[in-house]
Amino acid sequence: MNRVDKTNYYLDIAESVASRSTCLRKKYGTVIVKNDEIISTGYSGSPRGRANCIDLGYCNKKKVFPDAHHTGYDACRGVHSEQNAIISASRKDMMNSTLYLVGYKETENGNEYEEGASPCLTCRKFIINSGIEKVVVREDKKNYIVIDVEEWVKNDELLNDVLAY
């Protein structure tokens, strides 16, 4: 029997967390790990106590901005999985930790991984300030990319007029 490697183990957990997402368009799951211990998890969805898009039956962002792409986030009811995981943990626990991220969208044929899923620019700012050291993003069931958060600090996209992700 083959044992799953540690990285894919945590990515599998993040995928399971993503299954709790309440967003109709995208499902993201995050697991923050330090010293081989899970510090926090988070999935994409509405703030606590507010109606979820899956319960409303529509995406408010899509309703208000039907043609918007990478904009109109003020109309979105959701909190990103990375943000939910970060606000559920203390900064001292997140210092030098690793964030594992899985994101997919629903299709008629089941779940399809988004190629090159990556934290948005707002989530990158949260991640930088939280003290997280690395971000691991699943590309498919076996492959992933590892991002050194220090690279985001050094290569500030906003100084180069990059507004999308």
N, C-alpha and C. Protein backbone atom coordinates (compact mmCIF):
# COMPACT_ATOMS: atom_id res chain seq x y z
N MET A 1 0.84 -1.19 0.00
CA MET A 1 0.00 0.00 0.00
C MET A 1 0.88 1.24 0.00
N ASN A 2 0.58 2.18 -0.88
CA ASN A 2 1.34 3.43 -0.94
C ASN A 2 0.74 4.44 0.02
N ARG A 3 1.62 5.09 0.74
CA ARG A 3 1.19 6.11 1.70
C ARG A 3 1.26 7.47 1.04
N VAL A 4 0.23 8.28 1.21
CA VAL A 4 0.20 9.62 0.62
C VAL A 4 1.29 10.48 1.29
N ASP A 5 1.96 11.30 0.47
CA ASP A 5 2.99 12.17 1.04
C ASP A 5 2.32 13.24 1.91
N LYS A 6 3.11 13.84 2.79
CA LYS A 6 2.59 14.79 3.79
C LYS A 6 1.92 16.00 3.13
N THR A 7 2.50 16.51 2.06
CA THR A 7 1.92 17.69 1.40
C THR A 7 0.53 17.37 0.86
N ASN A 8 0.39 16.26 0.16
CA ASN A 8 -0.92 15.90 -0.38
C ASN A 8 -1.89 15.50 0.72
N TYR A 9 -1.38 15.02 1.84
CA TYR A 9 -2.22 14.74 3.00
C TYR A 9 -2.91 16.02 3.46
N TYR A 10 -2.14 17.10 3.63
CA TYR A 10 -2.74 18.37 4.04
C TYR A 10 -3.61 18.98 2.95
N LEU A 11 -3.22 18.80 1.70
CA LEU A 11 -4.06 19.28 0.60
C LEU A 11 -5.37 18.50 0.53
N ASP A 12 -5.34 17.21 0.82
CA ASP A 12 -6.58 16.42 0.87
C ASP A 12 -7.50 16.93 1.97
N ILE A 13 -6.91 17.31 3.12
CA ILE A 13 -7.72 17.88 4.20
C ILE A 13 -8.33 19.21 3.75
N ALA A 14 -7.52 20.03 3.07
CA ALA A 14 -8.03 21.31 2.56
C ALA A 14 -9.17 21.08 1.56
N GLU A 15 -9.06 20.03 0.77
CA GLU A 15 -10.14 19.70 -0.17
C GLU A 15 -11.42 19.33 0.59
N SER A 16 -11.27 18.58 1.65
CA SER A 16 -12.42 18.22 2.47
C SER A 16 -13.04 19.47 3.10
N VAL A 17 -12.20 20.37 3.58
CA VAL A 17 -12.68 21.64 4.15
C VAL A 17 -13.44 22.42 3.08
N ALA A 18 -12.93 22.43 1.85
CA ALA A 18 -13.58 23.15 0.75
C ALA A 18 -14.99 22.64 0.49
N SER A 19 -15.24 21.37 0.80
CA SER A 19 -16.58 20.82 0.56
C SER A 19 -17.64 21.47 1.45
N ARG A 20 -17.23 22.21 2.47
CA ARG A 20 -18.15 22.95 3.34
C ARG A 20 -18.46 24.35 2.80
N SER A 21 -17.80 24.76 1.73
CA SER A 21 -18.00 26.10 1.17
C SER A 21 -19.45 26.33 0.82
N THR A 22 -19.89 27.57 1.02
CA THR A 22 -21.28 27.93 0.73
C THR A 22 -21.41 28.82 -0.50
N CYS A 23 -20.30 29.04 -1.20
CA CYS A 23 -20.29 29.82 -2.43
C CYS A 23 -20.81 28.94 -3.58
N LEU A 24 -21.63 29.51 -4.43
CA LEU A 24 -22.17 28.76 -5.57
C LEU A 24 -21.18 28.63 -6.71
N ARG A 25 -20.25 29.55 -6.81
CA ARG A 25 -19.35 29.58 -7.95
C ARG A 25 -18.04 28.87 -7.72
N LYS A 26 -17.43 29.10 -6.58
CA LYS A 26 -16.12 28.52 -6.30
C LYS A 26 -16.07 27.98 -4.88
N LYS A 27 -15.41 26.86 -4.73
CA LYS A 27 -15.26 26.26 -3.41
C LYS A 27 -13.77 26.19 -3.08
N TYR A 28 -13.41 26.87 -1.99
CA TYR A 28 -12.01 26.89 -1.57
C TYR A 28 -11.90 26.40 -0.14
N GLY A 29 -10.82 25.69 0.12
CA GLY A 29 -10.53 25.22 1.46
C GLY A 29 -9.10 25.51 1.81
N THR A 30 -8.86 25.90 3.06
CA THR A 30 -7.53 26.26 3.53
C THR A 30 -7.23 25.53 4.83
N VAL A 31 -6.00 25.07 4.93
CA VAL A 31 -5.50 24.48 6.17
C VAL A 31 -4.17 25.16 6.47
N ILE A 32 -4.01 25.65 7.69
CA ILE A 32 -2.75 26.26 8.12
C ILE A 32 -2.07 25.27 9.07
N VAL A 33 -0.82 24.96 8.76
CA VAL A 33 -0.07 23.94 9.51
C VAL A 33 1.26 24.50 9.99
N LYS A 34 1.61 24.19 11.23
CA LYS A 34 2.91 24.56 11.78
C LYS A 34 3.44 23.39 12.60
N ASN A 35 4.68 23.04 12.36
CA ASN A 35 5.31 21.93 13.08
C ASN A 35 4.47 20.66 13.00
N ASP A 36 3.93 20.40 11.82
CA ASP A 36 3.13 19.20 11.56
C ASP A 36 1.86 19.13 12.40
N GLU A 37 1.33 20.29 12.76
CA GLU A 37 0.10 20.38 13.53
C GLU A 37 -0.83 21.37 12.85
N ILE A 38 -2.09 20.98 12.68
CA ILE A 38 -3.07 21.89 12.07
C ILE A 38 -3.41 22.98 13.07
N ILE A 39 -3.19 24.22 12.65
CA ILE A 39 -3.45 25.40 13.47
C ILE A 39 -4.88 25.89 13.25
N SER A 40 -5.33 25.85 11.98
CA SER A 40 -6.62 26.43 11.64
C SER A 40 -7.07 25.92 10.28
N THR A 41 -8.38 25.99 10.06
CA THR A 41 -8.95 25.69 8.74
C THR A 41 -9.96 26.77 8.39
N GLY A 42 -10.27 26.88 7.12
CA GLY A 42 -11.28 27.84 6.68
C GLY A 42 -11.81 27.47 5.31
N TYR A 43 -13.05 27.80 5.06
CA TYR A 43 -13.65 27.60 3.74
C TYR A 43 -14.34 28.89 3.33
N SER A 44 -14.63 29.00 2.03
CA SER A 44 -15.26 30.21 1.52
C SER A 44 -16.75 30.18 1.82
N GLY A 45 -17.25 31.32 2.31
CA GLY A 45 -18.66 31.41 2.62
C GLY A 45 -19.02 32.72 3.28
N SER A 46 -20.29 32.92 3.48
CA SER A 46 -20.81 34.15 4.07
C SER A 46 -20.37 34.28 5.53
N PRO A 47 -20.31 35.51 6.04
CA PRO A 47 -19.98 35.72 7.45
C PRO A 47 -20.98 34.99 8.35
N ARG A 48 -20.51 34.62 9.52
CA ARG A 48 -21.38 33.92 10.49
C ARG A 48 -22.68 34.67 10.70
N GLY A 49 -23.78 33.93 10.65
CA GLY A 49 -25.08 34.51 10.90
C GLY A 49 -25.78 35.08 9.68
N ARG A 50 -25.04 35.31 8.60
CA ARG A 50 -25.66 35.85 7.39
C ARG A 50 -26.09 34.71 6.47
N ALA A 51 -27.06 34.99 5.62
CA ALA A 51 -27.55 33.98 4.68
C ALA A 51 -26.43 33.59 3.71
N ASN A 52 -26.33 32.31 3.45
CA ASN A 52 -25.35 31.77 2.49
C ASN A 52 -25.94 31.76 1.09
N CYS A 53 -25.08 31.92 0.10
CA CYS A 53 -25.53 31.92 -1.29
C CYS A 53 -26.21 30.59 -1.64
N ILE A 54 -25.70 29.47 -1.13
CA ILE A 54 -26.34 28.19 -1.45
C ILE A 54 -27.75 28.12 -0.88
N ASP A 55 -27.99 28.84 0.22
CA ASP A 55 -29.34 28.88 0.79
C ASP A 55 -30.23 29.87 0.05
N LEU A 56 -29.65 30.98 -0.42
CA LEU A 56 -30.41 31.96 -1.19
C LEU A 56 -30.75 31.45 -2.58
N GLY A 57 -29.84 30.62 -3.12
CA GLY A 57 -30.05 30.08 -4.46
C GLY A 57 -29.50 30.95 -5.57
N TYR A 58 -28.73 31.97 -5.21
CA TYR A 58 -28.12 32.82 -6.22
C TYR A 58 -26.85 33.46 -5.66
N CYS A 59 -25.99 33.88 -6.59
CA CYS A 59 -24.76 34.59 -6.24
C CYS A 59 -25.06 36.09 -6.34
N ASN A 60 -24.96 36.79 -5.22
CA ASN A 60 -25.28 38.22 -5.21
C ASN A 60 -24.33 39.01 -6.11
N LYS A 61 -23.06 38.65 -6.13
CA LYS A 61 -22.10 39.35 -6.99
C LYS A 61 -22.49 39.21 -8.45
N LYS A 62 -22.86 38.00 -8.85
CA LYS A 62 -23.27 37.74 -10.23
C LYS A 62 -24.58 38.48 -10.55
N LYS A 63 -25.45 38.60 -9.55
CA LYS A 63 -26.73 39.30 -9.74
C LYS A 63 -26.50 40.80 -9.94
N VAL A 64 -25.62 41.40 -9.13
CA VAL A 64 -25.37 42.84 -9.20
C VAL A 64 -24.46 43.20 -10.36
N PHE A 65 -23.44 42.35 -10.59
CA PHE A 65 -22.46 42.60 -11.66
C PHE A 65 -22.38 41.36 -12.56
N PRO A 66 -23.36 41.15 -13.44
CA PRO A 66 -23.42 39.91 -14.22
C PRO A 66 -22.21 39.66 -15.12
N ASP A 67 -21.54 40.70 -15.57
CA ASP A 67 -20.41 40.52 -16.48
C ASP A 67 -19.06 40.79 -15.83
N ALA A 68 -19.06 40.97 -14.52
CA ALA A 68 -17.82 41.32 -13.81
C ALA A 68 -16.88 40.13 -13.73
N HIS A 69 -15.61 40.42 -13.93
CA HIS A 69 -14.55 39.42 -13.76
C HIS A 69 -13.43 40.11 -12.99
N HIS A 70 -13.06 39.58 -11.86
CA HIS A 70 -12.03 40.16 -10.99
C HIS A 70 -12.41 41.55 -10.50
N THR A 71 -13.70 41.77 -10.31
CA THR A 71 -14.17 43.04 -9.78
C THR A 71 -15.54 42.80 -9.14
N GLY A 72 -16.08 43.82 -8.48
CA GLY A 72 -17.39 43.70 -7.87
C GLY A 72 -17.40 42.96 -6.56
N TYR A 73 -16.24 42.88 -5.90
CA TYR A 73 -16.14 42.10 -4.67
C TYR A 73 -16.97 42.68 -3.52
N ASP A 74 -17.31 43.96 -3.57
CA ASP A 74 -18.14 44.54 -2.52
C ASP A 74 -19.54 43.93 -2.53
N ALA A 75 -19.97 43.39 -3.66
CA ALA A 75 -21.28 42.76 -3.76
C ALA A 75 -21.24 41.28 -3.37
N CYS A 76 -20.05 40.74 -3.21
CA CYS A 76 -19.90 39.33 -2.86
C CYS A 76 -20.20 39.13 -1.38
N ARG A 77 -20.99 38.11 -1.07
CA ARG A 77 -21.36 37.80 0.32
C ARG A 77 -20.26 37.03 1.03
N GLY A 78 -19.31 36.48 0.28
CA GLY A 78 -18.35 35.54 0.83
C GLY A 78 -17.11 36.14 1.48
N VAL A 79 -16.59 35.37 2.43
CA VAL A 79 -15.27 35.59 3.01
C VAL A 79 -14.41 34.46 2.47
N HIS A 80 -13.22 34.79 1.98
CA HIS A 80 -12.37 33.78 1.38
C HIS A 80 -11.86 32.78 2.42
N SER A 81 -11.57 31.57 1.96
CA SER A 81 -11.13 30.51 2.87
C SER A 81 -9.85 30.89 3.60
N GLU A 82 -8.94 31.55 2.89
CA GLU A 82 -7.68 31.97 3.53
C GLU A 82 -7.96 32.94 4.66
N GLN A 83 -8.86 33.89 4.42
CA GLN A 83 -9.22 34.88 5.44
C GLN A 83 -9.87 34.20 6.64
N ASN A 84 -10.79 33.27 6.39
CA ASN A 84 -11.45 32.57 7.49
C ASN A 84 -10.45 31.77 8.33
N ALA A 85 -9.49 31.13 7.69
CA ALA A 85 -8.48 30.37 8.43
C ALA A 85 -7.59 31.31 9.24
N ILE A 86 -7.20 32.43 8.66
CA ILE A 86 -6.31 33.37 9.35
C ILE A 86 -7.00 34.00 10.56
N ILE A 87 -8.27 34.40 10.42
CA ILE A 87 -8.93 35.05 11.56
C ILE A 87 -9.28 34.06 12.67
N SER A 88 -9.17 32.76 12.38
CA SER A 88 -9.45 31.75 13.40
C SER A 88 -8.20 31.29 14.15
N ALA A 89 -7.06 31.89 13.84
CA ALA A 89 -5.80 31.48 14.48
C ALA A 89 -5.10 32.71 15.05
N SER A 90 -4.22 32.48 15.99
CA SER A 90 -3.43 33.60 16.53
C SER A 90 -2.19 33.80 15.67
N ARG A 91 -1.73 35.04 15.59
CA ARG A 91 -0.57 35.35 14.77
C ARG A 91 0.66 34.59 15.24
N LYS A 92 0.85 34.47 16.55
CA LYS A 92 2.05 33.77 17.04
C LYS A 92 2.05 32.30 16.60
N ASP A 93 0.86 31.71 16.45
CA ASP A 93 0.80 30.33 15.96
C ASP A 93 1.05 30.25 14.46
N MET A 94 0.74 31.31 13.73
CA MET A 94 0.92 31.29 12.28
C MET A 94 2.32 31.66 11.84
N MET A 95 3.12 32.26 12.70
CA MET A 95 4.48 32.65 12.32
C MET A 95 5.24 31.43 11.80
N ASN A 96 5.78 31.55 10.58
CA ASN A 96 6.57 30.51 9.93
C ASN A 96 5.78 29.23 9.64
N SER A 97 4.49 29.37 9.47
CA SER A 97 3.64 28.22 9.16
C SER A 97 3.48 28.08 7.64
N THR A 98 2.73 27.05 7.25
CA THR A 98 2.43 26.80 5.84
C THR A 98 0.93 26.79 5.66
N LEU A 99 0.45 27.47 4.62
CA LEU A 99 -0.96 27.49 4.28
C LEU A 99 -1.16 26.59 3.06
N TYR A 100 -2.08 25.63 3.18
CA TYR A 100 -2.42 24.72 2.09
C TYR A 100 -3.77 25.16 1.53
N LEU A 101 -3.84 25.30 0.20
CA LEU A 101 -5.04 25.85 -0.45
C LEU A 101 -5.49 24.95 -1.59
N VAL A 102 -6.78 24.62 -1.57
CA VAL A 102 -7.40 23.88 -2.67
C VAL A 102 -8.61 24.67 -3.11
N GLY A 103 -8.73 24.87 -4.41
CA GLY A 103 -9.88 25.57 -4.96
C GLY A 103 -10.40 24.86 -6.18
N TYR A 104 -11.71 24.74 -6.28
CA TYR A 104 -12.29 24.15 -7.47
C TYR A 104 -13.65 24.76 -7.73
N LYS A 105 -14.11 24.55 -8.94
CA LYS A 105 -15.44 25.00 -9.30
C LYS A 105 -16.26 23.78 -9.67
N GLU A 106 -17.55 23.86 -9.45
CA GLU A 106 -18.44 22.75 -9.76
C GLU A 106 -18.72 22.74 -11.27
N THR A 107 -18.71 21.56 -11.85
CA THR A 107 -19.07 21.39 -13.25
C THR A 107 -20.14 20.30 -13.34
N GLU A 108 -20.73 20.14 -14.51
CA GLU A 108 -21.74 19.09 -14.67
C GLU A 108 -21.15 17.70 -14.42
N ASN A 109 -19.84 17.56 -14.67
CA ASN A 109 -19.19 16.26 -14.55
C ASN A 109 -18.56 16.05 -13.17
N GLY A 110 -18.82 16.91 -12.21
CA GLY A 110 -18.20 16.76 -10.89
C GLY A 110 -17.30 17.94 -10.58
N ASN A 111 -16.30 17.71 -9.75
CA ASN A 111 -15.40 18.78 -9.35
C ASN A 111 -14.24 18.91 -10.32
N GLU A 112 -13.92 20.12 -10.67
CA GLU A 112 -12.81 20.38 -11.58
C GLU A 112 -11.88 21.37 -10.90
N TYR A 113 -10.61 21.00 -10.73
CA TYR A 113 -9.66 21.90 -10.09
C TYR A 113 -9.37 23.09 -10.98
N GLU A 114 -9.28 24.25 -10.37
CA GLU A 114 -8.90 25.44 -11.12
C GLU A 114 -7.40 25.40 -11.31
N GLU A 115 -6.98 25.45 -12.53
CA GLU A 115 -5.55 25.41 -12.80
C GLU A 115 -4.90 26.70 -12.32
N GLY A 116 -3.87 26.56 -11.53
CA GLY A 116 -3.15 27.72 -11.03
C GLY A 116 -3.90 28.54 -10.01
N ALA A 117 -4.83 27.91 -9.25
CA ALA A 117 -5.54 28.64 -8.20
C ALA A 117 -4.51 29.34 -7.31
N SER A 118 -4.82 30.55 -6.94
CA SER A 118 -3.88 31.34 -6.16
C SER A 118 -4.65 32.32 -5.29
N PRO A 119 -4.13 32.65 -4.12
CA PRO A 119 -4.81 33.66 -3.29
C PRO A 119 -4.92 34.98 -4.05
N CYS A 120 -6.06 35.65 -3.89
CA CYS A 120 -6.25 36.97 -4.50
C CYS A 120 -5.29 37.97 -3.83
N LEU A 121 -5.21 39.16 -4.38
CA LEU A 121 -4.28 40.16 -3.83
C LEU A 121 -4.64 40.54 -2.40
N THR A 122 -5.92 40.60 -2.06
CA THR A 122 -6.31 40.91 -0.69
C THR A 122 -5.87 39.78 0.25
N CYS A 123 -6.10 38.54 -0.14
CA CYS A 123 -5.67 37.41 0.70
C CYS A 123 -4.15 37.37 0.83
N ARG A 124 -3.44 37.75 -0.22
CA ARG A 124 -1.98 37.80 -0.13
C ARG A 124 -1.54 38.78 0.96
N LYS A 125 -2.23 39.90 1.06
CA LYS A 125 -1.89 40.87 2.11
C LYS A 125 -2.16 40.28 3.49
N PHE A 126 -3.27 39.57 3.64
CA PHE A 126 -3.58 38.89 4.91
C PHE A 126 -2.48 37.88 5.24
N ILE A 127 -2.10 37.09 4.25
CA ILE A 127 -1.09 36.05 4.45
C ILE A 127 0.25 36.66 4.85
N ILE A 128 0.66 37.71 4.17
CA ILE A 128 1.93 38.38 4.49
C ILE A 128 1.90 38.87 5.93
N ASN A 129 0.83 39.57 6.31
CA ASN A 129 0.77 40.13 7.67
C ASN A 129 0.60 39.08 8.76
N SER A 130 0.09 37.92 8.41
CA SER A 130 -0.12 36.87 9.42
C SER A 130 1.16 36.18 9.83
N GLY A 131 2.21 36.29 9.00
CA GLY A 131 3.47 35.62 9.33
C GLY A 131 3.62 34.25 8.68
N ILE A 132 2.66 33.86 7.85
CA ILE A 132 2.74 32.58 7.14
C ILE A 132 3.95 32.63 6.21
N GLU A 133 4.71 31.55 6.19
CA GLU A 133 5.97 31.49 5.44
C GLU A 133 5.80 30.95 4.02
N LYS A 134 4.97 29.91 3.85
CA LYS A 134 4.80 29.26 2.55
C LYS A 134 3.31 29.03 2.27
N VAL A 135 2.99 29.04 0.98
CA VAL A 135 1.65 28.69 0.53
C VAL A 135 1.79 27.55 -0.46
N VAL A 136 1.03 26.49 -0.26
CA VAL A 136 1.03 25.34 -1.15
C VAL A 136 -0.34 25.26 -1.80
N VAL A 137 -0.36 25.31 -3.14
CA VAL A 137 -1.61 25.32 -3.89
C VAL A 137 -1.70 24.07 -4.75
N ARG A 138 -2.79 23.35 -4.60
CA ARG A 138 -3.00 22.13 -5.40
C ARG A 138 -3.35 22.51 -6.82
N GLU A 139 -2.67 21.87 -7.78
CA GLU A 139 -3.00 22.03 -9.19
C GLU A 139 -3.88 20.89 -9.68
N ASP A 140 -3.61 19.69 -9.21
CA ASP A 140 -4.46 18.53 -9.45
C ASP A 140 -4.20 17.53 -8.32
N LYS A 141 -4.75 16.35 -8.40
CA LYS A 141 -4.73 15.40 -7.29
C LYS A 141 -3.31 15.03 -6.82
N LYS A 142 -2.32 15.18 -7.68
CA LYS A 142 -0.95 14.81 -7.31
C LYS A 142 0.04 15.97 -7.34
N ASN A 143 -0.28 17.01 -8.09
CA ASN A 143 0.66 18.10 -8.31
C ASN A 143 0.25 19.36 -7.57
N TYR A 144 1.25 20.09 -7.13
CA TYR A 144 1.03 21.32 -6.39
C TYR A 144 2.21 22.24 -6.61
N ILE A 145 2.00 23.52 -6.29
CA ILE A 145 3.09 24.49 -6.34
C ILE A 145 3.31 25.04 -4.93
N VAL A 146 4.56 25.36 -4.64
CA VAL A 146 4.92 25.93 -3.35
C VAL A 146 5.37 27.37 -3.59
N ILE A 147 4.77 28.29 -2.86
CA ILE A 147 5.07 29.71 -3.00
C ILE A 147 5.72 30.19 -1.72
N ASP A 148 6.88 30.84 -1.86
CA ASP A 148 7.55 31.47 -0.72
C ASP A 148 6.91 32.85 -0.56
N VAL A 149 6.26 33.08 0.57
CA VAL A 149 5.54 34.34 0.79
C VAL A 149 6.48 35.54 0.68
N GLU A 150 7.73 35.35 1.02
CA GLU A 150 8.71 36.45 0.91
C GLU A 150 8.79 36.97 -0.54
N GLU A 151 8.52 36.11 -1.51
CA GLU A 151 8.51 36.54 -2.92
C GLU A 151 7.40 37.56 -3.17
N TRP A 152 6.26 37.38 -2.51
CA TRP A 152 5.16 38.35 -2.64
C TRP A 152 5.56 39.69 -2.04
N VAL A 153 6.36 39.66 -0.98
CA VAL A 153 6.82 40.90 -0.36
C VAL A 153 7.79 41.61 -1.31
N LYS A 154 8.72 40.85 -1.87
CA LYS A 154 9.74 41.42 -2.76
C LYS A 154 9.16 41.89 -4.09
N ASN A 155 8.22 41.14 -4.63
CA ASN A 155 7.64 41.43 -5.95
C ASN A 155 6.20 41.92 -5.79
N ASP A 156 6.07 43.13 -5.35
CA ASP A 156 4.77 43.73 -5.05
C ASP A 156 4.04 44.05 -6.34
N GLU A 157 3.03 43.22 -6.69
CA GLU A 157 2.29 43.39 -7.94
C GLU A 157 1.65 44.76 -8.06
N LEU A 158 1.19 45.29 -6.94
CA LEU A 158 0.47 46.56 -6.99
C LEU A 158 1.36 47.72 -7.43
N LEU A 159 2.67 47.58 -7.23
CA LEU A 159 3.59 48.63 -7.71
C LEU A 159 3.78 48.55 -9.21
N ASN A 160 3.37 47.43 -9.80
CA ASN A 160 3.47 47.24 -11.25
C ASN A 160 2.12 47.26 -11.94
N ASP A 161 1.12 47.85 -11.26
CA ASP A 161 -0.22 48.00 -11.81
C ASP A 161 -0.92 46.68 -12.14
N VAL A 162 -0.55 45.61 -11.43
CA VAL A 162 -1.23 44.33 -11.60
C VAL A 162 -2.37 44.29 -10.59
N LEU A 163 -3.59 44.25 -11.08
CA LEU A 163 -4.75 44.28 -10.19
C LEU A 163 -5.52 42.96 -10.19
N ALA A 164 -5.26 42.08 -11.13
CA ALA A 164 -5.96 40.80 -11.17
C ALA A 164 -5.04 39.70 -10.69
N TYR A 165 -5.60 38.53 -10.49
CA TYR A 165 -4.81 37.38 -10.07
C TYR A 165 -4.97 36.24 -11.04
